[in-house]
Amino acid sequence: MPQPEHCATRHRPDTHDFPCRMLCQLDASGRYCTGCWRHRDEIAAWQSLSEAERLQIMAALPAREAMLRSGTICDWIRSDAA
């Protein structure tokens, strides 16, 4: 599976809203980074998002990580793609 462009190039590490853990790798669906749990579209858009949008995404990451690790979100991804 191709690796995403390193996400550290897409946001500012000097701010508090920096979810990247420098462990960039996409999950089996090719949609989510298993290092920071952001969707590939969120990573691509990160620099252009407002601080409020970034904080909203960051607030959702713990629940998203739990869902991805448990496989719960995989069912949603499959139904969303159909």
C-alpha atoms as a PDB file:
ATOM      1  CA  MET A   1       0.000   0.000   0.000  1.00  0.00           C
ATOM      2  CA  PRO A   2       1.458   3.418  -0.886  1.00  0.00           C
ATOM      3  CA  GLN A   3       2.511   5.597   1.996  1.00  0.00           C
ATOM      4  CA  PRO A   4       0.977   9.064   2.309  1.00  0.00           C
ATOM      5  CA  GLU A   5       3.097  12.133   1.811  1.00  0.00           C
ATOM      6  CA  HIS A   6       4.562  12.775   5.232  1.00  0.00           C
ATOM      7  CA  CYS A   7       1.910  14.698   7.089  1.00  0.00           C
ATOM      8  CA  ALA A   8       4.448  16.844   8.963  1.00  0.00           C
ATOM      9  CA  THR A   9       4.800  18.848   5.761  1.00  0.00           C
ATOM     10  CA  ARG A  10       1.104  19.714   5.909  1.00  0.00           C
ATOM     11  CA  HIS A  11       0.846  21.530   9.242  1.00  0.00           C
ATOM     12  CA  ARG A  12       2.754  23.636  11.697  1.00  0.00           C
ATOM     13  CA  PRO A  13       4.497  21.741  14.527  1.00  0.00           C
ATOM     14  CA  ASP A  14       4.892  24.964  16.491  1.00  0.00           C
ATOM     15  CA  THR A  15       1.183  25.117  17.317  1.00  0.00           C
ATOM     16  CA  HIS A  16      -0.804  23.168  19.893  1.00  0.00           C
ATOM     17  CA  ASP A  17      -3.004  21.705  17.167  1.00  0.00           C
ATOM     18  CA  PHE A  18      -0.472  19.229  15.807  1.00  0.00           C
ATOM     19  CA  PRO A  19      -1.864  15.663  15.951  1.00  0.00           C
ATOM     20  CA  CYS A  20       0.860  14.071  13.801  1.00  0.00           C
ATOM     21  CA  ARG A  21       2.964  11.528  15.708  1.00  0.00           C
ATOM     22  CA  MET A  22       5.399  11.055  12.787  1.00  0.00           C
ATOM     23  CA  LEU A  23       4.099   7.463  12.392  1.00  0.00           C
ATOM     24  CA  CYS A  24       2.411   8.017   9.056  1.00  0.00           C
ATOM     25  CA  GLN A  25       0.854   4.891   7.611  1.00  0.00           C
ATOM     26  CA  LEU A  26      -2.566   4.343   6.100  1.00  0.00           C
ATOM     27  CA  ASP A  27      -4.870   1.645   7.440  1.00  0.00           C
ATOM     28  CA  ALA A  28      -6.095  -1.261   5.317  1.00  0.00           C
ATOM     29  CA  SER A  29      -8.877   0.873   3.825  1.00  0.00           C
ATOM     30  CA  GLY A  30      -6.333   3.443   2.647  1.00  0.00           C
ATOM     31  CA  ARG A  31      -8.370   6.200   4.282  1.00  0.00           C
ATOM     32  CA  TYR A  32      -7.040   6.725   7.808  1.00  0.00           C
ATOM     33  CA  CYS A  33      -3.534   7.321   9.162  1.00  0.00           C
ATOM     34  CA  THR A  34      -2.819   4.821  11.935  1.00  0.00           C
ATOM     35  CA  GLY A  35      -0.390   7.281  13.522  1.00  0.00           C
ATOM     36  CA  CYS A  36      -2.767  10.196  14.101  1.00  0.00           C
ATOM     37  CA  TRP A  37      -6.141   8.649  13.073  1.00  0.00           C
ATOM     38  CA  ARG A  38      -7.020  11.472  10.708  1.00  0.00           C
ATOM     39  CA  HIS A  39      -8.672  10.777   7.354  1.00  0.00           C
ATOM     40  CA  ARG A  40      -6.385  11.313   4.385  1.00  0.00           C
ATOM     41  CA  ASP A  41      -8.580  14.243   3.276  1.00  0.00           C
ATOM     42  CA  GLU A  42      -8.156  15.869   6.700  1.00  0.00           C
ATOM     43  CA  ILE A  43      -4.377  15.497   6.425  1.00  0.00           C
ATOM     44  CA  ALA A  44      -4.375  17.027   2.954  1.00  0.00           C
ATOM     45  CA  ALA A  45      -6.545  19.969   4.044  1.00  0.00           C
ATOM     46  CA  TRP A  46      -4.949  20.496   7.468  1.00  0.00           C
ATOM     47  CA  GLN A  47      -3.007  23.624   6.592  1.00  0.00           C
ATOM     48  CA  SER A  48      -6.061  25.380   5.168  1.00  0.00           C
ATOM     49  CA  LEU A  49      -8.401  24.507   8.067  1.00  0.00           C
ATOM     50  CA  SER A  50      -9.258  27.054  10.725  1.00  0.00           C
ATOM     51  CA  GLU A  51      -8.099  26.465  14.267  1.00  0.00           C
ATOM     52  CA  ALA A  52     -11.706  25.681  15.242  1.00  0.00           C
ATOM     53  CA  GLU A  53     -11.925  23.030  12.512  1.00  0.00           C
ATOM     54  CA  ARG A  54      -8.616  21.494  13.597  1.00  0.00           C
ATOM     55  CA  LEU A  55      -9.693  21.394  17.219  1.00  0.00           C
ATOM     56  CA  GLN A  56     -12.993  19.757  16.230  1.00  0.00           C
ATOM     57  CA  ILE A  57     -11.128  17.036  14.329  1.00  0.00           C
ATOM     58  CA  MET A  58      -8.660  16.561  17.177  1.00  0.00           C
ATOM     59  CA  ALA A  59     -11.509  16.193  19.668  1.00  0.00           C
ATOM     60  CA  ALA A  60     -12.936  13.354  17.545  1.00  0.00           C
ATOM     61  CA  LEU A  61      -9.633  11.458  17.211  1.00  0.00           C
ATOM     62  CA  PRO A  62      -9.770   9.377  20.443  1.00  0.00           C
ATOM     63  CA  ALA A  63     -13.220   8.004  19.585  1.00  0.00           C
ATOM     64  CA  ARG A  64     -12.191   7.459  15.973  1.00  0.00           C
ATOM     65  CA  GLU A  65      -9.091   5.556  17.086  1.00  0.00           C
ATOM     66  CA  ALA A  66     -11.216   3.317  19.326  1.00  0.00           C
ATOM     67  CA  MET A  67     -13.675   2.665  16.488  1.00  0.00           C
ATOM     68  CA  LEU A  68     -10.917   1.897  13.992  1.00  0.00           C
ATOM     69  CA  ARG A  69      -9.095  -0.405  16.411  1.00  0.00           C
ATOM     70  CA  SER A  70     -12.312  -2.273  17.254  1.00  0.00           C
ATOM     71  CA  GLY A  71     -13.383  -2.582  13.630  1.00  0.00           C
ATOM     72  CA  THR A  72     -16.632  -0.689  14.265  1.00  0.00           C
ATOM     73  CA  ILE A  73     -15.813   1.999  11.749  1.00  0.00           C
ATOM     74  CA  CYS A  74     -14.955  -0.609   9.104  1.00  0.00           C
ATOM     75  CA  ASP A  75     -18.633  -1.513   8.746  1.00  0.00           C
ATOM     76  CA  TRP A  76     -19.468   2.153   8.220  1.00  0.00           C
ATOM     77  CA  ILE A  77     -16.701   2.520   5.600  1.00  0.00           C
ATOM     78  CA  ARG A  78     -17.989  -0.495   3.659  1.00  0.00           C
ATOM     79  CA  SER A  79     -21.582   0.782   3.688  1.00  0.00           C
ATOM     80  CA  ASP A  80     -20.432   4.300   2.790  1.00  0.00           C
ATOM     81  CA  ALA A  81     -18.524   3.012  -0.246  1.00  0.00           C
ATOM     82  CA  ALA A  82     -21.485   1.011  -1.576  1.00  0.00           C
END
